[in-house]
């Protein structure tokens, strides 16, 4: 494990212990999960991409490497420490310290009427119902027809009511939702939801 990775892991754990309902994970996502979620998003042909909850920038780094050079891209992070960490790790990324529910505002400011991809690292199962609904409504509003939304979930979450409830809400709004293989080397093991509008 590199020094950078060790520092980011400690930072993630500290944020989780301080606010588990907001951070939702004790460690950053693995490289394998980062590749799976960004590959699932099919970024090469997307003109406008938004990342929700980049954390320490693990997914952001992969998005920058896989998107087209002229695609609009920005990330939205509510936690100021994580926003700073992502900016440090990915200086070429625009990281906005703001809630994802305000995505429409930032797309409009950049001349976009919607986005083609949303890559999400938010801890859905940790959120109260009202926030989940607000975020899902935002998602349905800003994602262009044919757009793809990807987010991950921990395998263990499928055994909990909160995990099943989110899955049901996602599929109610996006009937064309599929799941990927499990990344067993992630801690904890995780898979990706791929929803197409």
N, C-alpha and C. Protein backbone atom coordinates (compact mmCIF):
# COMPACT_ATOMS: atom_id res chain seq x y z
N UNK A 1 0.84 -1.19 0.00
CA UNK A 1 0.00 0.00 0.00
C UNK A 1 0.88 1.25 0.00
N UNK A 2 0.62 2.19 -0.93
CA UNK A 2 1.43 3.40 -1.02
C UNK A 2 1.14 4.33 0.14
N UNK A 3 2.04 5.31 0.34
CA UNK A 3 1.83 6.32 1.39
C UNK A 3 0.57 7.10 1.10
N UNK A 4 0.36 7.45 -0.18
CA UNK A 4 -0.84 8.21 -0.57
C UNK A 4 -2.11 7.44 -0.22
N UNK A 5 -2.11 6.15 -0.57
CA UNK A 5 -3.27 5.31 -0.28
C UNK A 5 -3.49 5.18 1.21
N UNK A 6 -2.43 5.03 1.99
CA UNK A 6 -2.55 4.91 3.44
C UNK A 6 -3.14 6.18 4.06
N UNK A 7 -2.69 7.33 3.58
CA UNK A 7 -3.20 8.61 4.08
C UNK A 7 -4.67 8.74 3.74
N UNK A 8 -5.06 8.40 2.51
CA UNK A 8 -6.45 8.52 2.09
C UNK A 8 -7.34 7.54 2.86
N UNK A 9 -6.83 6.35 3.13
CA UNK A 9 -7.60 5.37 3.90
C UNK A 9 -7.85 5.88 5.32
N UNK A 10 -6.83 6.46 5.93
CA UNK A 10 -6.97 7.01 7.28
C UNK A 10 -7.96 8.18 7.28
N UNK A 11 -7.89 9.00 6.24
CA UNK A 11 -8.80 10.14 6.12
C UNK A 11 -10.24 9.65 5.97
N UNK A 12 -10.45 8.61 5.18
CA UNK A 12 -11.78 8.06 4.98
C UNK A 12 -12.33 7.50 6.28
N UNK A 13 -11.51 6.75 7.00
CA UNK A 13 -11.93 6.17 8.27
C UNK A 13 -12.30 7.26 9.26
N UNK A 14 -11.51 8.32 9.33
CA UNK A 14 -11.80 9.43 10.24
C UNK A 14 -13.14 10.09 9.90
N UNK A 15 -13.40 10.29 8.61
CA UNK A 15 -14.66 10.89 8.19
C UNK A 15 -15.84 9.97 8.51
N UNK A 16 -15.63 8.68 8.33
CA UNK A 16 -16.70 7.72 8.63
C UNK A 16 -17.03 7.73 10.11
N UNK A 17 -16.01 7.70 10.95
CA UNK A 17 -16.23 7.68 12.40
C UNK A 17 -16.89 8.97 12.87
N UNK A 18 -16.59 10.09 12.19
CA UNK A 18 -17.20 11.36 12.56
C UNK A 18 -18.63 11.51 12.10
N UNK A 19 -18.96 10.91 10.96
CA UNK A 19 -20.31 11.04 10.40
C UNK A 19 -20.63 9.84 9.52
N UNK A 20 -20.92 8.68 10.14
CA UNK A 20 -21.16 7.47 9.34
C UNK A 20 -22.36 7.57 8.41
N UNK A 21 -23.35 8.36 8.75
CA UNK A 21 -24.51 8.51 7.89
C UNK A 21 -24.23 9.32 6.65
N UNK A 22 -23.16 10.11 6.69
CA UNK A 22 -22.82 10.94 5.54
C UNK A 22 -21.72 10.32 4.69
N UNK A 23 -20.76 9.65 5.34
CA UNK A 23 -19.65 9.06 4.61
C UNK A 23 -19.99 7.66 4.11
N UNK A 24 -20.52 6.80 4.97
CA UNK A 24 -21.06 5.52 4.55
C UNK A 24 -20.07 4.40 4.29
N UNK A 25 -18.76 4.67 4.37
CA UNK A 25 -17.76 3.63 4.12
C UNK A 25 -16.55 3.89 5.00
N UNK A 26 -15.88 2.81 5.37
CA UNK A 26 -14.70 2.96 6.23
C UNK A 26 -13.41 3.09 5.42
N UNK A 27 -13.45 2.69 4.14
CA UNK A 27 -12.27 2.76 3.27
C UNK A 27 -12.68 3.28 1.89
N UNK A 28 -11.75 3.90 1.17
CA UNK A 28 -12.04 4.29 -0.21
C UNK A 28 -12.30 3.06 -1.07
N UNK A 29 -12.99 3.26 -2.19
CA UNK A 29 -13.24 2.16 -3.13
C UNK A 29 -11.93 1.66 -3.72
N UNK A 30 -11.92 0.39 -4.09
CA UNK A 30 -10.72 -0.22 -4.66
C UNK A 30 -10.54 0.20 -6.11
N UNK A 31 -9.32 -0.01 -6.62
CA UNK A 31 -9.04 0.26 -8.03
C UNK A 31 -9.92 -0.60 -8.92
N UNK A 32 -10.14 -1.84 -8.52
CA UNK A 32 -10.97 -2.75 -9.32
C UNK A 32 -12.40 -2.24 -9.43
N UNK A 33 -12.96 -1.75 -8.33
CA UNK A 33 -14.32 -1.20 -8.36
C UNK A 33 -14.35 0.08 -9.18
N UNK A 34 -13.31 0.90 -9.05
CA UNK A 34 -13.23 2.14 -9.81
C UNK A 34 -13.23 1.86 -11.32
N UNK A 35 -12.50 0.85 -11.73
CA UNK A 35 -12.48 0.48 -13.16
C UNK A 35 -13.84 -0.06 -13.59
N UNK A 36 -14.46 -0.90 -12.75
CA UNK A 36 -15.75 -1.50 -13.12
C UNK A 36 -16.83 -0.43 -13.27
N UNK A 37 -16.90 0.50 -12.32
CA UNK A 37 -17.97 1.49 -12.38
C UNK A 37 -17.78 2.46 -13.55
N UNK A 38 -16.54 2.83 -13.83
CA UNK A 38 -16.30 3.76 -14.94
C UNK A 38 -16.41 3.06 -16.30
N UNK A 39 -16.03 1.79 -16.37
CA UNK A 39 -16.24 1.04 -17.61
C UNK A 39 -17.73 0.84 -17.87
N UNK A 40 -18.49 0.59 -16.81
CA UNK A 40 -19.94 0.38 -16.94
C UNK A 40 -20.65 1.64 -17.42
N UNK A 41 -20.08 2.80 -17.13
CA UNK A 41 -20.68 4.07 -17.53
C UNK A 41 -20.50 4.37 -19.01
N UNK A 42 -19.62 3.65 -19.71
CA UNK A 42 -19.39 3.86 -21.15
C UNK A 42 -19.14 5.34 -21.44
N UNK A 43 -18.05 5.83 -20.89
CA UNK A 43 -17.76 7.27 -20.89
C UNK A 43 -17.30 7.84 -22.23
N UNK A 44 -16.75 7.03 -23.09
CA UNK A 44 -16.11 7.54 -24.31
C UNK A 44 -17.02 8.39 -25.18
N UNK A 45 -18.32 8.05 -25.25
CA UNK A 45 -19.22 8.80 -26.12
C UNK A 45 -20.11 9.79 -25.37
N UNK A 46 -19.83 10.04 -24.10
CA UNK A 46 -20.63 10.96 -23.30
C UNK A 46 -20.14 12.39 -23.50
N UNK A 47 -21.09 13.31 -23.68
CA UNK A 47 -20.73 14.72 -23.87
C UNK A 47 -20.74 15.50 -22.56
N UNK A 48 -21.53 15.05 -21.60
CA UNK A 48 -21.60 15.73 -20.30
C UNK A 48 -21.66 14.68 -19.21
N UNK A 49 -20.72 14.76 -18.27
CA UNK A 49 -20.56 13.75 -17.21
C UNK A 49 -20.51 14.47 -15.87
N UNK A 50 -21.24 13.93 -14.89
CA UNK A 50 -21.21 14.48 -13.54
C UNK A 50 -20.89 13.33 -12.58
N UNK A 51 -20.05 13.61 -11.61
CA UNK A 51 -19.78 12.63 -10.56
C UNK A 51 -20.37 13.14 -9.26
N UNK A 52 -21.11 12.29 -8.58
CA UNK A 52 -21.67 12.61 -7.27
C UNK A 52 -20.87 11.89 -6.20
N UNK A 53 -20.38 12.64 -5.22
CA UNK A 53 -19.69 12.04 -4.08
C UNK A 53 -18.37 11.39 -4.45
N UNK A 54 -17.40 12.16 -4.96
CA UNK A 54 -16.12 11.56 -5.35
C UNK A 54 -15.26 11.07 -4.20
N UNK A 55 -15.58 11.48 -2.97
CA UNK A 55 -14.76 11.05 -1.84
C UNK A 55 -13.33 11.55 -2.00
N UNK A 56 -12.38 10.64 -2.07
CA UNK A 56 -10.97 11.03 -2.22
C UNK A 56 -10.49 10.98 -3.67
N UNK A 57 -11.40 10.81 -4.62
CA UNK A 57 -11.05 10.92 -6.03
C UNK A 57 -10.68 9.63 -6.74
N UNK A 58 -10.99 8.49 -6.16
CA UNK A 58 -10.64 7.21 -6.80
C UNK A 58 -11.35 7.05 -8.14
N UNK A 59 -12.67 7.33 -8.17
CA UNK A 59 -13.42 7.24 -9.44
C UNK A 59 -13.04 8.41 -10.35
N UNK A 60 -12.86 9.58 -9.77
CA UNK A 60 -12.55 10.79 -10.55
C UNK A 60 -11.33 10.57 -11.43
N UNK A 61 -10.32 9.97 -10.85
CA UNK A 61 -9.08 9.69 -11.58
C UNK A 61 -9.33 8.84 -12.82
N UNK A 62 -10.19 7.84 -12.67
CA UNK A 62 -10.51 6.95 -13.79
C UNK A 62 -11.38 7.66 -14.82
N UNK A 63 -12.31 8.49 -14.35
CA UNK A 63 -13.17 9.25 -15.28
C UNK A 63 -12.32 10.13 -16.18
N UNK A 64 -11.37 10.83 -15.59
CA UNK A 64 -10.50 11.72 -16.37
C UNK A 64 -9.72 10.96 -17.44
N UNK A 65 -9.36 9.73 -17.14
CA UNK A 65 -8.60 8.93 -18.09
C UNK A 65 -9.44 8.28 -19.18
N UNK A 66 -10.77 8.18 -18.95
CA UNK A 66 -11.63 7.44 -19.89
C UNK A 66 -12.61 8.32 -20.68
N UNK A 67 -12.85 9.53 -20.23
CA UNK A 67 -13.79 10.41 -20.94
C UNK A 67 -13.11 11.00 -22.18
N UNK A 68 -13.93 11.50 -23.11
CA UNK A 68 -13.35 12.17 -24.27
C UNK A 68 -12.79 13.52 -23.85
N UNK A 69 -11.83 14.01 -24.58
CA UNK A 69 -11.13 15.24 -24.21
C UNK A 69 -12.04 16.45 -24.16
N UNK A 70 -13.09 16.47 -24.98
CA UNK A 70 -13.96 17.64 -25.04
C UNK A 70 -15.25 17.49 -24.23
N UNK A 71 -15.38 16.43 -23.45
CA UNK A 71 -16.59 16.23 -22.64
C UNK A 71 -16.60 17.17 -21.44
N UNK A 72 -17.76 17.72 -21.14
CA UNK A 72 -17.95 18.49 -19.91
C UNK A 72 -17.92 17.51 -18.74
N UNK A 73 -17.15 17.84 -17.72
CA UNK A 73 -17.10 16.99 -16.53
C UNK A 73 -16.87 17.82 -15.29
N UNK A 74 -17.69 17.56 -14.26
CA UNK A 74 -17.42 18.11 -12.94
C UNK A 74 -17.92 17.13 -11.90
N UNK A 75 -17.35 17.25 -10.70
CA UNK A 75 -17.72 16.39 -9.57
C UNK A 75 -18.33 17.26 -8.47
N UNK A 76 -19.29 16.68 -7.73
CA UNK A 76 -19.95 17.40 -6.65
C UNK A 76 -19.74 16.65 -5.34
N UNK A 77 -19.15 17.32 -4.37
CA UNK A 77 -18.81 16.71 -3.08
C UNK A 77 -19.22 17.64 -1.94
N UNK A 78 -20.06 17.14 -1.04
CA UNK A 78 -20.57 17.95 0.06
C UNK A 78 -19.56 18.07 1.21
N UNK A 79 -18.73 17.05 1.38
CA UNK A 79 -17.74 17.05 2.46
C UNK A 79 -16.53 17.88 2.03
N UNK A 80 -16.23 18.99 2.73
CA UNK A 80 -15.12 19.86 2.28
C UNK A 80 -13.76 19.18 2.30
N UNK A 81 -13.55 18.28 3.25
CA UNK A 81 -12.25 17.58 3.31
C UNK A 81 -12.08 16.65 2.12
N UNK A 82 -13.15 15.96 1.74
CA UNK A 82 -13.09 15.09 0.58
C UNK A 82 -12.96 15.90 -0.71
N UNK A 83 -13.65 17.04 -0.80
CA UNK A 83 -13.53 17.89 -1.98
C UNK A 83 -12.08 18.32 -2.16
N UNK A 84 -11.44 18.71 -1.07
CA UNK A 84 -10.02 19.12 -1.13
C UNK A 84 -9.13 17.95 -1.52
N UNK A 85 -9.44 16.75 -1.01
CA UNK A 85 -8.64 15.56 -1.34
C UNK A 85 -8.75 15.22 -2.81
N UNK A 86 -9.95 15.33 -3.37
CA UNK A 86 -10.13 15.03 -4.79
C UNK A 86 -9.40 16.06 -5.65
N UNK A 87 -9.47 17.34 -5.26
CA UNK A 87 -8.74 18.37 -6.01
C UNK A 87 -7.23 18.11 -5.99
N UNK A 88 -6.74 17.65 -4.86
CA UNK A 88 -5.31 17.36 -4.73
C UNK A 88 -4.92 16.17 -5.60
N UNK A 89 -5.74 15.14 -5.58
CA UNK A 89 -5.45 13.93 -6.35
C UNK A 89 -5.65 14.16 -7.85
N UNK A 90 -6.65 14.96 -8.19
CA UNK A 90 -7.03 15.17 -9.60
C UNK A 90 -7.10 16.66 -9.91
N UNK A 91 -5.97 17.34 -10.01
CA UNK A 91 -5.97 18.79 -10.21
C UNK A 91 -6.65 19.25 -11.50
N UNK A 92 -6.83 18.36 -12.46
CA UNK A 92 -7.50 18.73 -13.72
C UNK A 92 -9.03 18.63 -13.62
N UNK A 93 -9.53 18.11 -12.51
CA UNK A 93 -10.98 17.96 -12.34
C UNK A 93 -11.57 19.20 -11.67
N UNK A 94 -12.76 19.57 -12.12
CA UNK A 94 -13.50 20.62 -11.44
C UNK A 94 -14.33 19.96 -10.34
N UNK A 95 -14.04 20.30 -9.09
CA UNK A 95 -14.74 19.71 -7.95
C UNK A 95 -15.52 20.82 -7.26
N UNK A 96 -16.84 20.67 -7.22
CA UNK A 96 -17.73 21.67 -6.64
C UNK A 96 -18.14 21.22 -5.25
N UNK A 97 -17.91 22.07 -4.26
CA UNK A 97 -18.30 21.78 -2.88
C UNK A 97 -19.77 22.14 -2.71
N UNK A 98 -20.62 21.16 -2.98
CA UNK A 98 -22.07 21.41 -3.01
C UNK A 98 -22.81 20.08 -3.01
N UNK A 99 -24.07 20.11 -2.59
CA UNK A 99 -24.91 18.92 -2.63
C UNK A 99 -25.27 18.56 -4.06
N UNK A 100 -25.36 17.29 -4.35
CA UNK A 100 -25.72 16.81 -5.68
C UNK A 100 -27.13 17.22 -6.08
N UNK A 101 -27.98 17.56 -5.14
CA UNK A 101 -29.34 17.99 -5.49
C UNK A 101 -29.33 19.28 -6.31
N UNK A 102 -28.21 19.99 -6.32
CA UNK A 102 -28.10 21.24 -7.09
C UNK A 102 -27.41 21.05 -8.44
N UNK A 103 -27.38 19.82 -8.93
CA UNK A 103 -26.71 19.52 -10.19
C UNK A 103 -27.23 20.36 -11.35
N UNK A 104 -28.54 20.53 -11.44
CA UNK A 104 -29.14 21.29 -12.54
C UNK A 104 -28.52 22.69 -12.65
N UNK A 105 -28.36 23.35 -11.52
CA UNK A 105 -27.80 24.71 -11.50
C UNK A 105 -26.42 24.74 -12.15
N UNK A 106 -25.56 23.79 -11.81
CA UNK A 106 -24.19 23.80 -12.31
C UNK A 106 -24.09 23.35 -13.76
N UNK A 107 -25.02 22.49 -14.19
CA UNK A 107 -25.07 22.15 -15.62
C UNK A 107 -25.49 23.37 -16.43
N UNK A 108 -26.52 24.05 -15.96
CA UNK A 108 -27.02 25.24 -16.66
C UNK A 108 -25.94 26.31 -16.78
N UNK A 109 -25.21 26.53 -15.68
CA UNK A 109 -24.14 27.53 -15.69
C UNK A 109 -23.05 27.20 -16.71
N UNK A 110 -22.93 25.93 -17.06
CA UNK A 110 -21.90 25.51 -18.01
C UNK A 110 -22.48 25.27 -19.41
N UNK A 111 -23.72 25.71 -19.61
CA UNK A 111 -24.34 25.65 -20.93
C UNK A 111 -24.93 24.31 -21.31
N UNK A 112 -25.14 23.43 -20.35
CA UNK A 112 -25.70 22.11 -20.64
C UNK A 112 -27.14 22.03 -20.14
N UNK A 113 -28.01 21.41 -20.93
CA UNK A 113 -29.41 21.25 -20.53
C UNK A 113 -29.61 19.98 -19.70
N UNK A 114 -28.64 19.09 -19.72
CA UNK A 114 -28.69 17.85 -18.97
C UNK A 114 -27.35 17.16 -19.08
N UNK A 115 -27.26 15.94 -18.57
CA UNK A 115 -26.00 15.20 -18.68
C UNK A 115 -26.26 13.79 -19.20
N UNK A 116 -25.22 13.21 -19.77
CA UNK A 116 -25.33 11.87 -20.36
C UNK A 116 -24.94 10.76 -19.39
N UNK A 117 -24.11 11.10 -18.40
CA UNK A 117 -23.66 10.10 -17.43
C UNK A 117 -23.59 10.73 -16.04
N UNK A 118 -24.01 9.95 -15.04
CA UNK A 118 -23.76 10.30 -13.65
C UNK A 118 -23.10 9.09 -13.00
N UNK A 119 -21.90 9.31 -12.48
CA UNK A 119 -21.16 8.27 -11.75
C UNK A 119 -21.25 8.64 -10.28
N UNK A 120 -21.72 7.72 -9.47
CA UNK A 120 -22.09 8.08 -8.10
C UNK A 120 -21.39 7.21 -7.06
N UNK A 121 -20.82 7.89 -6.07
CA UNK A 121 -20.19 7.20 -4.94
C UNK A 121 -20.90 7.50 -3.63
N UNK A 122 -22.13 7.98 -3.70
CA UNK A 122 -22.86 8.34 -2.49
C UNK A 122 -23.33 7.10 -1.72
N UNK A 123 -23.39 7.19 -0.38
CA UNK A 123 -23.82 6.05 0.45
C UNK A 123 -25.35 5.99 0.58
N UNK A 124 -26.01 5.58 -0.48
CA UNK A 124 -27.48 5.64 -0.55
C UNK A 124 -28.18 5.01 0.65
N UNK A 125 -27.75 3.83 1.05
CA UNK A 125 -28.44 3.12 2.13
C UNK A 125 -28.33 3.83 3.47
N UNK A 126 -27.37 4.75 3.59
CA UNK A 126 -27.19 5.50 4.83
C UNK A 126 -28.08 6.74 4.90
N UNK A 127 -28.66 7.12 3.76
CA UNK A 127 -29.44 8.35 3.69
C UNK A 127 -30.89 8.13 4.14
N UNK A 128 -31.51 9.15 4.75
CA UNK A 128 -32.95 9.05 5.04
C UNK A 128 -33.76 9.04 3.76
N UNK A 129 -34.98 8.54 3.84
CA UNK A 129 -35.83 8.40 2.66
C UNK A 129 -36.00 9.72 1.90
N UNK A 130 -36.20 10.81 2.63
CA UNK A 130 -36.46 12.10 1.98
C UNK A 130 -35.28 12.52 1.12
N UNK A 131 -34.05 12.32 1.59
CA UNK A 131 -32.87 12.68 0.82
C UNK A 131 -32.69 11.75 -0.38
N UNK A 132 -32.94 10.47 -0.18
CA UNK A 132 -32.87 9.52 -1.30
C UNK A 132 -33.82 9.96 -2.41
N UNK A 133 -35.06 10.30 -2.02
CA UNK A 133 -36.06 10.70 -3.00
C UNK A 133 -35.65 11.99 -3.72
N UNK A 134 -35.10 12.95 -2.97
CA UNK A 134 -34.68 14.21 -3.57
C UNK A 134 -33.55 13.99 -4.58
N UNK A 135 -32.61 13.14 -4.22
CA UNK A 135 -31.49 12.83 -5.12
C UNK A 135 -31.96 12.06 -6.36
N UNK A 136 -32.84 11.09 -6.16
CA UNK A 136 -33.35 10.31 -7.29
C UNK A 136 -34.19 11.18 -8.21
N UNK A 137 -34.95 12.11 -7.65
CA UNK A 137 -35.72 13.05 -8.47
C UNK A 137 -34.79 13.95 -9.28
N UNK A 138 -33.71 14.40 -8.64
CA UNK A 138 -32.70 15.20 -9.34
C UNK A 138 -32.10 14.39 -10.48
N UNK A 139 -31.75 13.16 -10.20
CA UNK A 139 -31.18 12.27 -11.20
C UNK A 139 -32.11 12.13 -12.40
N UNK A 140 -33.37 11.84 -12.13
CA UNK A 140 -34.34 11.66 -13.22
C UNK A 140 -34.52 12.94 -14.03
N UNK A 141 -34.36 14.08 -13.37
CA UNK A 141 -34.54 15.37 -14.03
C UNK A 141 -33.37 15.76 -14.92
N UNK A 142 -32.14 15.51 -14.46
CA UNK A 142 -30.96 16.01 -15.20
C UNK A 142 -30.38 15.02 -16.19
N UNK A 143 -30.70 13.73 -16.05
CA UNK A 143 -30.13 12.72 -16.95
C UNK A 143 -30.86 12.75 -18.29
N UNK A 144 -30.11 12.90 -19.37
CA UNK A 144 -30.70 12.94 -20.71
C UNK A 144 -31.29 11.59 -21.09
N UNK A 145 -32.28 11.56 -21.99
CA UNK A 145 -32.79 10.28 -22.50
C UNK A 145 -31.65 9.45 -23.06
N UNK A 146 -31.61 8.18 -22.71
CA UNK A 146 -30.51 7.31 -23.11
C UNK A 146 -29.30 7.42 -22.22
N UNK A 147 -29.36 8.34 -21.24
CA UNK A 147 -28.25 8.53 -20.31
C UNK A 147 -28.10 7.36 -19.35
N UNK A 148 -26.92 7.26 -18.78
CA UNK A 148 -26.61 6.14 -17.88
C UNK A 148 -26.21 6.67 -16.50
N UNK A 149 -26.79 6.06 -15.49
CA UNK A 149 -26.44 6.34 -14.09
C UNK A 149 -25.82 5.08 -13.51
N UNK A 150 -24.64 5.23 -12.89
CA UNK A 150 -24.01 4.09 -12.23
C UNK A 150 -23.70 4.45 -10.78
N UNK A 151 -23.96 3.51 -9.92
CA UNK A 151 -23.62 3.65 -8.51
C UNK A 151 -23.28 2.27 -7.99
N UNK A 152 -22.60 2.21 -6.87
CA UNK A 152 -22.24 0.89 -6.35
C UNK A 152 -22.94 0.63 -5.02
N UNK A 153 -23.01 -0.62 -4.67
CA UNK A 153 -23.59 -1.03 -3.39
C UNK A 153 -22.76 -2.19 -2.85
N UNK A 154 -22.73 -2.28 -1.54
CA UNK A 154 -22.02 -3.38 -0.91
C UNK A 154 -22.89 -4.63 -0.90
N UNK A 155 -22.28 -5.76 -1.17
CA UNK A 155 -23.01 -7.02 -1.23
C UNK A 155 -23.77 -7.29 0.06
N UNK A 156 -23.16 -6.97 1.19
CA UNK A 156 -23.81 -7.21 2.47
C UNK A 156 -25.08 -6.38 2.63
N UNK A 157 -25.14 -5.25 1.91
CA UNK A 157 -26.31 -4.38 2.00
C UNK A 157 -27.58 -5.02 1.49
N UNK A 158 -27.45 -6.02 0.62
CA UNK A 158 -28.64 -6.70 0.10
C UNK A 158 -29.35 -7.51 1.17
N UNK A 159 -28.67 -7.73 2.29
CA UNK A 159 -29.30 -8.46 3.39
C UNK A 159 -30.01 -7.51 4.36
N UNK A 160 -29.91 -6.21 4.12
CA UNK A 160 -30.48 -5.22 5.02
C UNK A 160 -31.67 -4.51 4.37
N UNK A 161 -32.67 -4.14 5.16
CA UNK A 161 -33.84 -3.45 4.60
C UNK A 161 -33.50 -2.18 3.83
N UNK A 162 -32.52 -1.42 4.30
CA UNK A 162 -32.16 -0.16 3.63
C UNK A 162 -31.64 -0.43 2.22
N UNK A 163 -30.86 -1.50 2.06
CA UNK A 163 -30.34 -1.85 0.75
C UNK A 163 -31.43 -2.27 -0.22
N UNK A 164 -32.38 -3.05 0.27
CA UNK A 164 -33.49 -3.48 -0.57
C UNK A 164 -34.40 -2.31 -0.93
N UNK A 165 -34.59 -1.40 0.03
CA UNK A 165 -35.46 -0.25 -0.22
C UNK A 165 -34.88 0.65 -1.32
N UNK A 166 -33.56 0.89 -1.26
CA UNK A 166 -32.95 1.70 -2.30
C UNK A 166 -33.06 1.02 -3.66
N UNK A 167 -32.79 -0.27 -3.70
CA UNK A 167 -32.87 -1.04 -4.95
C UNK A 167 -34.26 -0.90 -5.57
N UNK A 168 -35.29 -0.98 -4.72
CA UNK A 168 -36.67 -0.87 -5.18
C UNK A 168 -36.95 0.53 -5.72
N UNK A 169 -36.46 1.55 -5.02
CA UNK A 169 -36.67 2.94 -5.47
C UNK A 169 -35.98 3.20 -6.80
N UNK A 170 -34.77 2.70 -6.94
CA UNK A 170 -34.02 2.91 -8.17
C UNK A 170 -34.73 2.25 -9.35
N UNK A 171 -35.17 1.01 -9.16
CA UNK A 171 -35.83 0.29 -10.25
C UNK A 171 -37.21 0.84 -10.56
N UNK A 172 -37.86 1.48 -9.58
CA UNK A 172 -39.16 2.10 -9.83
C UNK A 172 -39.01 3.28 -10.78
N UNK A 173 -37.92 4.03 -10.63
CA UNK A 173 -37.68 5.19 -11.50
C UNK A 173 -36.98 4.81 -12.80
N UNK A 174 -36.15 3.77 -12.73
CA UNK A 174 -35.38 3.33 -13.89
C UNK A 174 -35.57 1.81 -14.07
N UNK A 175 -36.66 1.41 -14.75
CA UNK A 175 -36.93 -0.04 -14.89
C UNK A 175 -35.78 -0.78 -15.58
N UNK A 176 -35.03 -0.07 -16.43
CA UNK A 176 -33.91 -0.72 -17.13
C UNK A 176 -32.64 -0.59 -16.28
N UNK A 177 -32.67 -1.23 -15.12
CA UNK A 177 -31.52 -1.22 -14.20
C UNK A 177 -30.94 -2.63 -14.10
N UNK A 178 -29.64 -2.73 -14.30
CA UNK A 178 -28.96 -4.02 -14.23
C UNK A 178 -27.86 -3.97 -13.17
N UNK A 179 -27.36 -5.13 -12.81
CA UNK A 179 -26.25 -5.20 -11.86
C UNK A 179 -25.07 -5.90 -12.52
N UNK A 180 -23.88 -5.56 -12.04
CA UNK A 180 -22.66 -6.15 -12.58
C UNK A 180 -22.22 -7.33 -11.72
N UNK A 181 -21.09 -7.87 -12.08
CA UNK A 181 -20.45 -8.89 -11.24
C UNK A 181 -20.02 -8.25 -9.92
N UNK A 182 -19.70 -9.07 -8.96
CA UNK A 182 -19.23 -8.60 -7.65
C UNK A 182 -17.72 -8.42 -7.68
N UNK A 183 -17.26 -7.31 -7.12
CA UNK A 183 -15.81 -7.09 -6.96
C UNK A 183 -15.46 -7.61 -5.57
N UNK A 184 -14.95 -8.81 -5.51
CA UNK A 184 -14.68 -9.47 -4.23
C UNK A 184 -13.49 -8.85 -3.51
N UNK A 185 -12.59 -8.23 -4.26
CA UNK A 185 -11.39 -7.65 -3.65
C UNK A 185 -11.65 -6.26 -3.05
N UNK A 186 -12.84 -5.72 -3.27
CA UNK A 186 -13.19 -4.46 -2.60
C UNK A 186 -13.49 -4.76 -1.14
N UNK A 187 -13.31 -3.76 -0.27
CA UNK A 187 -13.61 -3.95 1.16
C UNK A 187 -14.69 -2.94 1.56
N UNK A 188 -15.94 -3.46 1.81
CA UNK A 188 -16.43 -4.82 1.61
C UNK A 188 -16.68 -5.08 0.12
N UNK A 189 -16.94 -6.35 -0.25
CA UNK A 189 -17.26 -6.68 -1.64
C UNK A 189 -18.43 -5.84 -2.15
N UNK A 190 -18.34 -5.42 -3.40
CA UNK A 190 -19.35 -4.51 -3.95
C UNK A 190 -19.67 -4.87 -5.39
N UNK A 191 -20.81 -4.35 -5.86
CA UNK A 191 -21.21 -4.49 -7.26
C UNK A 191 -21.76 -3.14 -7.70
N UNK A 192 -22.03 -3.02 -9.00
CA UNK A 192 -22.48 -1.76 -9.57
C UNK A 192 -23.89 -1.89 -10.11
N UNK A 193 -24.72 -0.89 -9.80
CA UNK A 193 -26.02 -0.75 -10.45
C UNK A 193 -25.83 0.11 -11.70
N UNK A 194 -26.36 -0.34 -12.84
CA UNK A 194 -26.31 0.43 -14.08
C UNK A 194 -27.75 0.70 -14.51
N UNK A 195 -28.15 1.97 -14.44
CA UNK A 195 -29.52 2.35 -14.79
C UNK A 195 -29.50 3.22 -16.04
N UNK A 196 -30.34 2.88 -17.00
CA UNK A 196 -30.42 3.66 -18.23
C UNK A 196 -31.76 4.36 -18.30
N UNK A 197 -31.75 5.64 -18.66
CA UNK A 197 -33.00 6.40 -18.76
C UNK A 197 -33.60 6.19 -20.14
